[in-house]
């Protein structure tokens, strides 16, 4: 039986499951750094396979060809759907030691429950990321690790080509950190959208406003990445607003579990629920400006 903790990261056969807006550029960085990578998704990505990645047509073949897999699916149900059965990941892993890296934004409780149900040889690290598509493409993601010290040390070495991995605590800690991150992002983008629309309705040039205020306390990475969208009203998707509904629900679950009584979180949840109800959920999170305008018009 292979003992992954005794191997160097270079010796570990790595795979990526999920090649969406975040998974594909992360896979490209991993392939560039390692020279070999096995990938699996609903459909093949010729750009990766032409660059040297090995395509696994099923989760079972992915498990059989790897010692560790980074999962970049929307949430745990999409993973669990293909764990069991003849073509499932577990049938490909068998009884070997294996490292499952859950990069999905998920419930920390759900991650721990999944780890408890898996065979003993399969170790789990939660590793959600922050930085959006821009960060994924640039290899500058913040990678939030939760798990045992040995497992997160190996995970950090494996994922370093994608950004900055940091261990934050035991299993589930990465998901808690991601929930905290999403609370701040949701609050910030909602404030930026409202402030941009308020300025425009007051005959203040939003471009001049954010050029001035961006250098002070109102400045942020989020403002830098969304400034043009907010000013022009372009909310074509980069980071889809509807994902915030799930993320903020996880934050609320953590608040309940820790007896934390936030004042802002319920308002954020209500706002993003309303964004989805208005049919704006598939827009970029910069849709908060249009959301504010629509609410103002309807009232």
C-alpha atoms as a PDB file:
ATOM      1  CA  UNK A   1       0.000   0.000   0.000  1.00  0.00           C
ATOM      2  CA  UNK A   2       1.331   3.429  -0.953  1.00  0.00           C
ATOM      3  CA  UNK A   3       1.810   5.893   1.906  1.00  0.00           C
ATOM      4  CA  UNK A   4       1.340   9.300   0.333  1.00  0.00           C
ATOM      5  CA  UNK A   5       2.641  11.249   3.304  1.00  0.00           C
ATOM      6  CA  UNK A   6       6.053   9.647   2.756  1.00  0.00           C
ATOM      7  CA  UNK A   7       6.192  10.667  -0.912  1.00  0.00           C
ATOM      8  CA  UNK A   8       7.286  13.951  -2.412  1.00  0.00           C
ATOM      9  CA  UNK A   9       4.571  15.924  -4.155  1.00  0.00           C
ATOM     10  CA  UNK A  10       6.329  15.368  -7.487  1.00  0.00           C
ATOM     11  CA  UNK A  11       5.911  11.595  -7.113  1.00  0.00           C
ATOM     12  CA  UNK A  12       2.174  11.816  -6.506  1.00  0.00           C
ATOM     13  CA  UNK A  13       0.003  11.139  -9.554  1.00  0.00           C
ATOM     14  CA  UNK A  14      -2.408  14.085  -9.509  1.00  0.00           C
ATOM     15  CA  UNK A  15      -5.797  14.472 -11.138  1.00  0.00           C
ATOM     16  CA  UNK A  16      -8.381  17.231 -11.490  1.00  0.00           C
ATOM     17  CA  UNK A  17     -12.124  16.558 -11.557  1.00  0.00           C
ATOM     18  CA  UNK A  18     -14.174  19.478 -12.842  1.00  0.00           C
ATOM     19  CA  UNK A  19     -12.931  21.774 -15.595  1.00  0.00           C
ATOM     20  CA  UNK A  20     -15.184  24.796 -15.381  1.00  0.00           C
ATOM     21  CA  UNK A  21     -14.240  28.458 -15.144  1.00  0.00           C
ATOM     22  CA  UNK A  22     -11.981  27.778 -12.152  1.00  0.00           C
ATOM     23  CA  UNK A  23     -10.979  24.153 -12.685  1.00  0.00           C
ATOM     24  CA  UNK A  24      -9.643  24.443 -16.216  1.00  0.00           C
ATOM     25  CA  UNK A  25      -7.114  27.235 -15.596  1.00  0.00           C
ATOM     26  CA  UNK A  26      -6.047  25.565 -12.347  1.00  0.00           C
ATOM     27  CA  UNK A  27      -5.521  22.326 -14.240  1.00  0.00           C
ATOM     28  CA  UNK A  28      -3.435  24.170 -16.807  1.00  0.00           C
ATOM     29  CA  UNK A  29      -1.135  25.570 -14.108  1.00  0.00           C
ATOM     30  CA  UNK A  30      -0.781  22.139 -12.516  1.00  0.00           C
ATOM     31  CA  UNK A  31      -0.010  20.555 -15.875  1.00  0.00           C
ATOM     32  CA  UNK A  32       2.569  23.224 -16.690  1.00  0.00           C
ATOM     33  CA  UNK A  33       4.276  22.738 -13.328  1.00  0.00           C
ATOM     34  CA  UNK A  34       4.195  18.945 -13.226  1.00  0.00           C
ATOM     35  CA  UNK A  35       4.355  17.918 -16.874  1.00  0.00           C
ATOM     36  CA  UNK A  36       1.638  15.311 -16.314  1.00  0.00           C
ATOM     37  CA  UNK A  37      -1.969  15.466 -15.119  1.00  0.00           C
ATOM     38  CA  UNK A  38      -5.099  13.330 -15.450  1.00  0.00           C
ATOM     39  CA  UNK A  39      -8.366  15.210 -15.899  1.00  0.00           C
ATOM     40  CA  UNK A  40     -12.054  14.325 -15.874  1.00  0.00           C
ATOM     41  CA  UNK A  41     -15.211  16.371 -16.503  1.00  0.00           C
ATOM     42  CA  UNK A  42     -18.547  16.119 -18.253  1.00  0.00           C
ATOM     43  CA  UNK A  43     -16.799  16.840 -21.548  1.00  0.00           C
ATOM     44  CA  UNK A  44     -13.219  16.676 -22.711  1.00  0.00           C
ATOM     45  CA  UNK A  45     -11.148  19.879 -22.918  1.00  0.00           C
ATOM     46  CA  UNK A  46      -8.987  19.617 -26.070  1.00  0.00           C
ATOM     47  CA  UNK A  47      -6.806  22.508 -24.967  1.00  0.00           C
ATOM     48  CA  UNK A  48      -5.656  20.507 -21.936  1.00  0.00           C
ATOM     49  CA  UNK A  49      -5.249  17.168 -23.682  1.00  0.00           C
ATOM     50  CA  UNK A  50      -3.370  18.767 -26.552  1.00  0.00           C
ATOM     51  CA  UNK A  51      -1.044  20.306 -23.954  1.00  0.00           C
ATOM     52  CA  UNK A  52      -0.288  16.859 -22.527  1.00  0.00           C
ATOM     53  CA  UNK A  53      -3.029  16.091 -19.986  1.00  0.00           C
ATOM     54  CA  UNK A  54      -4.468  12.571 -19.917  1.00  0.00           C
ATOM     55  CA  UNK A  55      -8.246  12.387 -20.336  1.00  0.00           C
ATOM     56  CA  UNK A  56     -10.142  10.029 -17.990  1.00  0.00           C
ATOM     57  CA  UNK A  57     -13.626   9.331 -19.440  1.00  0.00           C
ATOM     58  CA  UNK A  58     -15.052   8.150 -16.092  1.00  0.00           C
ATOM     59  CA  UNK A  59     -14.510   8.859 -12.408  1.00  0.00           C
ATOM     60  CA  UNK A  60     -13.346   5.248 -11.989  1.00  0.00           C
ATOM     61  CA  UNK A  61     -10.583   5.703 -14.565  1.00  0.00           C
ATOM     62  CA  UNK A  62      -9.606   8.969 -12.900  1.00  0.00           C
ATOM     63  CA  UNK A  63      -9.260   7.202  -9.540  1.00  0.00           C
ATOM     64  CA  UNK A  64      -7.296   4.322 -11.030  1.00  0.00           C
ATOM     65  CA  UNK A  65      -4.782   6.652 -12.697  1.00  0.00           C
ATOM     66  CA  UNK A  66      -4.097   8.925  -9.703  1.00  0.00           C
ATOM     67  CA  UNK A  67      -3.006   9.073  -6.070  1.00  0.00           C
ATOM     68  CA  UNK A  68      -4.683  12.415  -5.346  1.00  0.00           C
ATOM     69  CA  UNK A  69      -7.551  14.266  -7.007  1.00  0.00           C
ATOM     70  CA  UNK A  70      -8.502  17.933  -6.807  1.00  0.00           C
ATOM     71  CA  UNK A  71     -12.295  18.232  -7.046  1.00  0.00           C
ATOM     72  CA  UNK A  72     -13.499  21.513  -8.582  1.00  0.00           C
ATOM     73  CA  UNK A  73     -17.224  20.758  -8.801  1.00  0.00           C
ATOM     74  CA  UNK A  74     -19.999  23.144  -7.685  1.00  0.00           C
ATOM     75  CA  UNK A  75     -20.726  21.269  -4.426  1.00  0.00           C
ATOM     76  CA  UNK A  76     -20.616  17.899  -2.676  1.00  0.00           C
ATOM     77  CA  UNK A  77     -23.739  16.368  -4.333  1.00  0.00           C
ATOM     78  CA  UNK A  78     -22.010  16.482  -7.733  1.00  0.00           C
ATOM     79  CA  UNK A  79     -19.072  14.585  -6.208  1.00  0.00           C
ATOM     80  CA  UNK A  80     -21.129  12.044  -4.290  1.00  0.00           C
ATOM     81  CA  UNK A  81     -23.193  11.281  -7.397  1.00  0.00           C
ATOM     82  CA  UNK A  82     -20.128   9.625  -8.960  1.00  0.00           C
ATOM     83  CA  UNK A  83     -18.373   8.125  -5.931  1.00  0.00           C
ATOM     84  CA  UNK A  84     -19.985   4.683  -5.891  1.00  0.00           C
ATOM     85  CA  UNK A  85     -20.930   2.160  -8.540  1.00  0.00           C
ATOM     86  CA  UNK A  86     -18.891   0.379 -11.210  1.00  0.00           C
ATOM     87  CA  UNK A  87     -17.776   3.639 -12.818  1.00  0.00           C
ATOM     88  CA  UNK A  88     -17.423   5.563  -9.553  1.00  0.00           C
ATOM     89  CA  UNK A  89     -14.262   7.060  -8.132  1.00  0.00           C
ATOM     90  CA  UNK A  90     -14.075   4.571  -5.249  1.00  0.00           C
ATOM     91  CA  UNK A  91     -14.001   1.559  -7.569  1.00  0.00           C
ATOM     92  CA  UNK A  92     -10.972   3.051  -9.297  1.00  0.00           C
ATOM     93  CA  UNK A  93      -9.149   3.788  -6.038  1.00  0.00           C
ATOM     94  CA  UNK A  94      -9.631   0.368  -4.490  1.00  0.00           C
ATOM     95  CA  UNK A  95      -7.883  -0.071  -1.126  1.00  0.00           C
ATOM     96  CA  UNK A  96      -4.936   2.255  -1.762  1.00  0.00           C
ATOM     97  CA  UNK A  97      -4.054   5.334   0.228  1.00  0.00           C
ATOM     98  CA  UNK A  98      -5.593   8.297  -1.538  1.00  0.00           C
ATOM     99  CA  UNK A  99      -5.871  12.052  -1.004  1.00  0.00           C
ATOM    100  CA  UNK A 100      -9.156  13.735  -1.916  1.00  0.00           C
ATOM    101  CA  UNK A 101      -8.826  17.521  -2.237  1.00  0.00           C
ATOM    102  CA  UNK A 102     -12.249  19.188  -2.124  1.00  0.00           C
ATOM    103  CA  UNK A 103     -11.967  22.581  -3.777  1.00  0.00           C
ATOM    104  CA  UNK A 104     -15.733  23.063  -3.974  1.00  0.00           C
ATOM    105  CA  UNK A 105     -17.370  25.729  -1.836  1.00  0.00           C
ATOM    106  CA  UNK A 106     -19.325  23.452   0.485  1.00  0.00           C
ATOM    107  CA  UNK A 107     -20.633  23.019   3.994  1.00  0.00           C
ATOM    108  CA  UNK A 108     -17.853  22.234   6.496  1.00  0.00           C
ATOM    109  CA  UNK A 109     -20.251  19.858   8.241  1.00  0.00           C
ATOM    110  CA  UNK A 110     -20.929  18.136   4.921  1.00  0.00           C
ATOM    111  CA  UNK A 111     -17.202  17.770   4.225  1.00  0.00           C
ATOM    112  CA  UNK A 112     -16.602  16.168   7.627  1.00  0.00           C
ATOM    113  CA  UNK A 113     -19.558  13.813   7.195  1.00  0.00           C
ATOM    114  CA  UNK A 114     -18.305  12.756   3.767  1.00  0.00           C
ATOM    115  CA  UNK A 115     -14.798  12.091   5.139  1.00  0.00           C
ATOM    116  CA  UNK A 116     -16.313   9.957   7.917  1.00  0.00           C
ATOM    117  CA  UNK A 117     -18.215   7.812   5.368  1.00  0.00           C
ATOM    118  CA  UNK A 118     -15.255   7.192   3.058  1.00  0.00           C
ATOM    119  CA  UNK A 119     -12.963   4.137   3.400  1.00  0.00           C
ATOM    120  CA  UNK A 120     -10.189   4.647   5.926  1.00  0.00           C
ATOM    121  CA  UNK A 121      -7.430   4.867   3.310  1.00  0.00           C
ATOM    122  CA  UNK A 122      -8.991   7.927   1.689  1.00  0.00           C
ATOM    123  CA  UNK A 123      -7.936  11.115   3.436  1.00  0.00           C
ATOM    124  CA  UNK A 124      -9.719  14.394   2.820  1.00  0.00           C
ATOM    125  CA  UNK A 125      -8.514  17.988   2.706  1.00  0.00           C
ATOM    126  CA  UNK A 126     -10.923  20.830   2.037  1.00  0.00           C
ATOM    127  CA  UNK A 127      -9.266  23.485  -0.120  1.00  0.00           C
ATOM    128  CA  UNK A 128     -11.739  26.089  -1.428  1.00  0.00           C
ATOM    129  CA  UNK A 129     -10.218  29.002  -3.293  1.00  0.00           C
ATOM    130  CA  UNK A 130     -10.720  32.743  -3.585  1.00  0.00           C
ATOM    131  CA  UNK A 131      -9.648  35.064  -6.374  1.00  0.00           C
ATOM    132  CA  UNK A 132     -12.179  34.392  -9.102  1.00  0.00           C
ATOM    133  CA  UNK A 133     -11.480  33.536 -12.720  1.00  0.00           C
ATOM    134  CA  UNK A 134      -8.834  36.248 -12.928  1.00  0.00           C
ATOM    135  CA  UNK A 135      -6.935  34.739 -10.018  1.00  0.00           C
ATOM    136  CA  UNK A 136      -7.298  31.217 -11.403  1.00  0.00           C
ATOM    137  CA  UNK A 137      -5.912  32.246 -14.794  1.00  0.00           C
ATOM    138  CA  UNK A 138      -3.049  34.190 -13.215  1.00  0.00           C
ATOM    139  CA  UNK A 139      -2.186  31.445 -10.693  1.00  0.00           C
ATOM    140  CA  UNK A 140      -2.762  33.834  -7.799  1.00  0.00           C
ATOM    141  CA  UNK A 141      -5.574  32.172  -5.898  1.00  0.00           C
ATOM    142  CA  UNK A 142      -5.857  32.159  -2.120  1.00  0.00           C
ATOM    143  CA  UNK A 143      -6.216  28.468  -1.225  1.00  0.00           C
ATOM    144  CA  UNK A 144      -7.784  27.726   2.168  1.00  0.00           C
ATOM    145  CA  UNK A 145      -6.746  24.354   3.578  1.00  0.00           C
ATOM    146  CA  UNK A 146      -8.436  22.302   6.279  1.00  0.00           C
ATOM    147  CA  UNK A 147      -7.213  18.891   7.410  1.00  0.00           C
ATOM    148  CA  UNK A 148      -4.466  17.118   9.303  1.00  0.00           C
ATOM    149  CA  UNK A 149      -0.992  18.708   9.307  1.00  0.00           C
ATOM    150  CA  UNK A 150       0.520  15.936   7.147  1.00  0.00           C
ATOM    151  CA  UNK A 151      -2.296  15.961   4.609  1.00  0.00           C
ATOM    152  CA  UNK A 152      -2.434  19.737   4.311  1.00  0.00           C
ATOM    153  CA  UNK A 153       1.343  19.915   3.961  1.00  0.00           C
ATOM    154  CA  UNK A 154       1.146  17.598   0.960  1.00  0.00           C
ATOM    155  CA  UNK A 155      -1.912  19.435  -0.384  1.00  0.00           C
ATOM    156  CA  UNK A 156      -0.071  22.752  -0.155  1.00  0.00           C
ATOM    157  CA  UNK A 157       2.843  21.381  -2.158  1.00  0.00           C
ATOM    158  CA  UNK A 158       0.512  19.936  -4.799  1.00  0.00           C
ATOM    159  CA  UNK A 159      -1.566  23.107  -5.190  1.00  0.00           C
ATOM    160  CA  UNK A 160       1.215  25.722  -4.972  1.00  0.00           C
ATOM    161  CA  UNK A 161       1.257  26.307  -8.781  1.00  0.00           C
ATOM    162  CA  UNK A 162      -2.297  27.686  -8.495  1.00  0.00           C
ATOM    163  CA  UNK A 163      -1.617  30.318  -5.833  1.00  0.00           C
ATOM    164  CA  UNK A 164      -0.950  30.568  -2.110  1.00  0.00           C
ATOM    165  CA  UNK A 165      -2.131  27.611   0.000  1.00  0.00           C
ATOM    166  CA  UNK A 166      -2.438  28.176   3.765  1.00  0.00           C
ATOM    167  CA  UNK A 167      -3.503  25.656   6.426  1.00  0.00           C
ATOM    168  CA  UNK A 168      -6.181  27.200   8.632  1.00  0.00           C
ATOM    169  CA  UNK A 169      -7.104  24.328  10.936  1.00  0.00           C
ATOM    170  CA  UNK A 170      -8.673  20.853  10.998  1.00  0.00           C
ATOM    171  CA  UNK A 171     -10.935  19.418   8.322  1.00  0.00           C
ATOM    172  CA  UNK A 172     -13.666  21.920   7.467  1.00  0.00           C
ATOM    173  CA  UNK A 173     -11.591  24.979   8.368  1.00  0.00           C
ATOM    174  CA  UNK A 174     -11.068  25.854   4.723  1.00  0.00           C
ATOM    175  CA  UNK A 175     -14.824  25.907   4.127  1.00  0.00           C
ATOM    176  CA  UNK A 176     -15.345  28.125   7.174  1.00  0.00           C
ATOM    177  CA  UNK A 177     -12.737  30.525   5.816  1.00  0.00           C
ATOM    178  CA  UNK A 178     -14.427  30.526   2.400  1.00  0.00           C
ATOM    179  CA  UNK A 179     -17.783  31.328   4.012  1.00  0.00           C
ATOM    180  CA  UNK A 180     -16.170  34.261   5.834  1.00  0.00           C
ATOM    181  CA  UNK A 181     -14.608  35.399   2.563  1.00  0.00           C
ATOM    182  CA  UNK A 182     -17.938  35.251   0.753  1.00  0.00           C
ATOM    183  CA  UNK A 183     -19.654  37.282   3.454  1.00  0.00           C
ATOM    184  CA  UNK A 184     -17.126  40.082   2.934  1.00  0.00           C
ATOM    185  CA  UNK A 185     -17.349  39.816  -0.868  1.00  0.00           C
ATOM    186  CA  UNK A 186     -21.165  39.884  -0.773  1.00  0.00           C
ATOM    187  CA  UNK A 187     -21.242  42.892   1.542  1.00  0.00           C
ATOM    188  CA  UNK A 188     -18.638  44.747  -0.513  1.00  0.00           C
ATOM    189  CA  UNK A 189     -20.155  44.177  -3.946  1.00  0.00           C
ATOM    190  CA  UNK A 190     -23.614  45.104  -2.653  1.00  0.00           C
ATOM    191  CA  UNK A 191     -22.247  48.346  -1.191  1.00  0.00           C
ATOM    192  CA  UNK A 192     -20.316  49.095  -4.399  1.00  0.00           C
ATOM    193  CA  UNK A 193     -23.393  48.545  -6.536  1.00  0.00           C
ATOM    194  CA  UNK A 194     -25.584  50.735  -4.370  1.00  0.00           C
ATOM    195  CA  UNK A 195     -22.961  53.467  -4.118  1.00  0.00           C
ATOM    196  CA  UNK A 196     -22.374  53.499  -7.897  1.00  0.00           C
ATOM    197  CA  UNK A 197     -26.079  53.853  -8.642  1.00  0.00           C
ATOM    198  CA  UNK A 198     -26.509  56.492  -5.922  1.00  0.00           C
ATOM    199  CA  UNK A 199     -23.632  58.521  -7.410  1.00  0.00           C
ATOM    200  CA  UNK A 200     -24.993  58.257 -10.953  1.00  0.00           C
ATOM    201  CA  UNK A 201     -28.443  59.441  -9.841  1.00  0.00           C
ATOM    202  CA  UNK A 202     -26.766  62.382  -8.116  1.00  0.00           C
ATOM    203  CA  UNK A 203     -24.945  63.500 -11.297  1.00  0.00           C
ATOM    204  CA  UNK A 204     -21.615  62.308  -9.898  1.00  0.00           C
ATOM    205  CA  UNK A 205     -19.421  60.522 -12.441  1.00  0.00           C
ATOM    206  CA  UNK A 206     -18.955  56.963 -11.095  1.00  0.00           C
ATOM    207  CA  UNK A 207     -15.635  56.583 -12.928  1.00  0.00           C
ATOM    208  CA  UNK A 208     -14.235  59.693 -11.264  1.00  0.00           C
ATOM    209  CA  UNK A 209     -15.725  58.650  -7.929  1.00  0.00           C
ATOM    210  CA  UNK A 210     -14.013  55.256  -7.869  1.00  0.00           C
ATOM    211  CA  UNK A 211     -10.731  56.602  -9.231  1.00  0.00           C
ATOM    212  CA  UNK A 212     -10.701  58.964  -6.246  1.00  0.00           C
ATOM    213  CA  UNK A 213     -12.049  56.653  -3.539  1.00  0.00           C
ATOM    214  CA  UNK A 214     -10.232  53.556  -4.738  1.00  0.00           C
ATOM    215  CA  UNK A 215      -7.017  54.862  -3.220  1.00  0.00           C
ATOM    216  CA  UNK A 216      -8.551  55.213   0.242  1.00  0.00           C
ATOM    217  CA  UNK A 217     -10.370  52.982   2.679  1.00  0.00           C
ATOM    218  CA  UNK A 218     -13.042  52.218   0.078  1.00  0.00           C
ATOM    219  CA  UNK A 219     -10.451  50.598  -2.173  1.00  0.00           C
ATOM    220  CA  UNK A 220     -10.269  46.815  -2.510  1.00  0.00           C
ATOM    221  CA  UNK A 221      -9.263  44.056  -4.885  1.00  0.00           C
ATOM    222  CA  UNK A 222     -12.952  43.576  -5.611  1.00  0.00           C
ATOM    223  CA  UNK A 223     -13.340  47.217  -6.624  1.00  0.00           C
ATOM    224  CA  UNK A 224     -10.306  46.924  -8.899  1.00  0.00           C
ATOM    225  CA  UNK A 225     -11.671  43.816 -10.602  1.00  0.00           C
ATOM    226  CA  UNK A 226     -15.259  45.085 -10.961  1.00  0.00           C
ATOM    227  CA  UNK A 227     -14.778  48.848 -11.359  1.00  0.00           C
ATOM    228  CA  UNK A 228     -15.297  48.866 -15.124  1.00  0.00           C
ATOM    229  CA  UNK A 229     -18.356  46.627 -14.886  1.00  0.00           C
ATOM    230  CA  UNK A 230     -19.927  48.798 -12.206  1.00  0.00           C
ATOM    231  CA  UNK A 231     -19.232  52.045 -14.064  1.00  0.00           C
ATOM    232  CA  UNK A 232     -20.462  50.828 -17.456  1.00  0.00           C
ATOM    233  CA  UNK A 233     -23.279  48.643 -16.151  1.00  0.00           C
ATOM    234  CA  UNK A 234     -21.761  45.544 -17.773  1.00  0.00           C
ATOM    235  CA  UNK A 235     -22.821  42.544 -15.715  1.00  0.00           C
ATOM    236  CA  UNK A 236     -21.916  39.800 -18.186  1.00  0.00           C
ATOM    237  CA  UNK A 237     -20.879  36.866 -16.023  1.00  0.00           C
ATOM    238  CA  UNK A 238     -17.464  36.276 -14.575  1.00  0.00           C
ATOM    239  CA  UNK A 239     -18.484  35.334 -11.028  1.00  0.00           C
ATOM    240  CA  UNK A 240     -22.170  34.364 -11.149  1.00  0.00           C
ATOM    241  CA  UNK A 241     -24.338  36.109  -8.540  1.00  0.00           C
ATOM    242  CA  UNK A 242     -26.527  33.063  -7.903  1.00  0.00           C
ATOM    243  CA  UNK A 243     -23.591  31.198  -6.340  1.00  0.00           C
ATOM    244  CA  UNK A 244     -23.715  33.659  -3.452  1.00  0.00           C
ATOM    245  CA  UNK A 245     -27.057  32.218  -2.332  1.00  0.00           C
ATOM    246  CA  UNK A 246     -25.432  28.857  -1.596  1.00  0.00           C
ATOM    247  CA  UNK A 247     -22.307  30.423  -0.101  1.00  0.00           C
ATOM    248  CA  UNK A 248     -24.260  32.670   2.253  1.00  0.00           C
ATOM    249  CA  UNK A 249     -26.452  29.745   3.304  1.00  0.00           C
ATOM    250  CA  UNK A 250     -23.309  27.896   4.381  1.00  0.00           C
ATOM    251  CA  UNK A 251     -22.242  30.987   6.322  1.00  0.00           C
ATOM    252  CA  UNK A 252     -25.619  31.030   8.072  1.00  0.00           C
ATOM    253  CA  UNK A 253     -25.271  27.323   8.922  1.00  0.00           C
ATOM    254  CA  UNK A 254     -21.867  28.015  10.489  1.00  0.00           C
ATOM    255  CA  UNK A 255     -23.313  30.942  12.437  1.00  0.00           C
ATOM    256  CA  UNK A 256     -26.057  28.682  13.806  1.00  0.00           C
ATOM    257  CA  UNK A 257     -23.583  25.950  14.709  1.00  0.00           C
ATOM    258  CA  UNK A 258     -21.350  28.397  16.604  1.00  0.00           C
ATOM    259  CA  UNK A 259     -24.137  30.398  18.287  1.00  0.00           C
ATOM    260  CA  UNK A 260     -23.050  33.509  16.381  1.00  0.00           C
ATOM    261  CA  UNK A 261     -25.780  36.109  15.825  1.00  0.00           C
ATOM    262  CA  UNK A 262     -24.736  38.290  12.881  1.00  0.00           C
ATOM    263  CA  UNK A 263     -26.657  41.447  12.010  1.00  0.00           C
ATOM    264  CA  UNK A 264     -25.474  41.842   8.404  1.00  0.00           C
ATOM    265  CA  UNK A 265     -25.635  38.248   7.149  1.00  0.00           C
ATOM    266  CA  UNK A 266     -29.465  38.000   7.092  1.00  0.00           C
ATOM    267  CA  UNK A 267     -29.641  41.200   5.012  1.00  0.00           C
ATOM    268  CA  UNK A 268     -27.053  39.864   2.582  1.00  0.00           C
ATOM    269  CA  UNK A 269     -28.974  36.616   2.187  1.00  0.00           C
ATOM    270  CA  UNK A 270     -32.223  38.486   1.568  1.00  0.00           C
ATOM    271  CA  UNK A 271     -30.559  40.709  -1.043  1.00  0.00           C
ATOM    272  CA  UNK A 272     -29.008  37.875  -3.039  1.00  0.00           C
ATOM    273  CA  UNK A 273     -32.202  35.834  -2.774  1.00  0.00           C
ATOM    274  CA  UNK A 274     -34.000  38.817  -4.305  1.00  0.00           C
ATOM    275  CA  UNK A 275     -31.374  39.146  -7.047  1.00  0.00           C
ATOM    276  CA  UNK A 276     -32.110  35.553  -8.072  1.00  0.00           C
ATOM    277  CA  UNK A 277     -35.874  36.051  -7.784  1.00  0.00           C
ATOM    278  CA  UNK A 278     -35.612  39.010 -10.174  1.00  0.00           C
ATOM    279  CA  UNK A 279     -33.966  36.777 -12.777  1.00  0.00           C
ATOM    280  CA  UNK A 280     -30.509  38.297 -12.346  1.00  0.00           C
ATOM    281  CA  UNK A 281     -28.818  35.289 -10.782  1.00  0.00           C
ATOM    282  CA  UNK A 282     -26.804  34.316 -13.864  1.00  0.00           C
ATOM    283  CA  UNK A 283     -25.285  37.789 -14.149  1.00  0.00           C
ATOM    284  CA  UNK A 284     -21.939  38.804 -12.687  1.00  0.00           C
ATOM    285  CA  UNK A 285     -21.930  39.883  -9.051  1.00  0.00           C
ATOM    286  CA  UNK A 286     -21.551  43.452 -10.383  1.00  0.00           C
ATOM    287  CA  UNK A 287     -25.277  43.139 -11.152  1.00  0.00           C
ATOM    288  CA  UNK A 288     -25.783  44.708  -7.728  1.00  0.00           C
ATOM    289  CA  UNK A 289     -25.842  48.098  -9.494  1.00  0.00           C
ATOM    290  CA  UNK A 290     -28.660  47.005 -11.837  1.00  0.00           C
ATOM    291  CA  UNK A 291     -30.413  45.353  -8.897  1.00  0.00           C
ATOM    292  CA  UNK A 292     -30.356  48.664  -7.024  1.00  0.00           C
ATOM    293  CA  UNK A 293     -31.656  50.521 -10.072  1.00  0.00           C
ATOM    294  CA  UNK A 294     -34.508  48.047 -10.593  1.00  0.00           C
ATOM    295  CA  UNK A 295     -35.524  48.163  -6.937  1.00  0.00           C
ATOM    296  CA  UNK A 296     -35.505  51.962  -7.057  1.00  0.00           C
ATOM    297  CA  UNK A 297     -37.638  52.030 -10.194  1.00  0.00           C
ATOM    298  CA  UNK A 298     -40.163  49.508  -8.879  1.00  0.00           C
ATOM    299  CA  UNK A 299     -40.641  51.374  -5.638  1.00  0.00           C
END
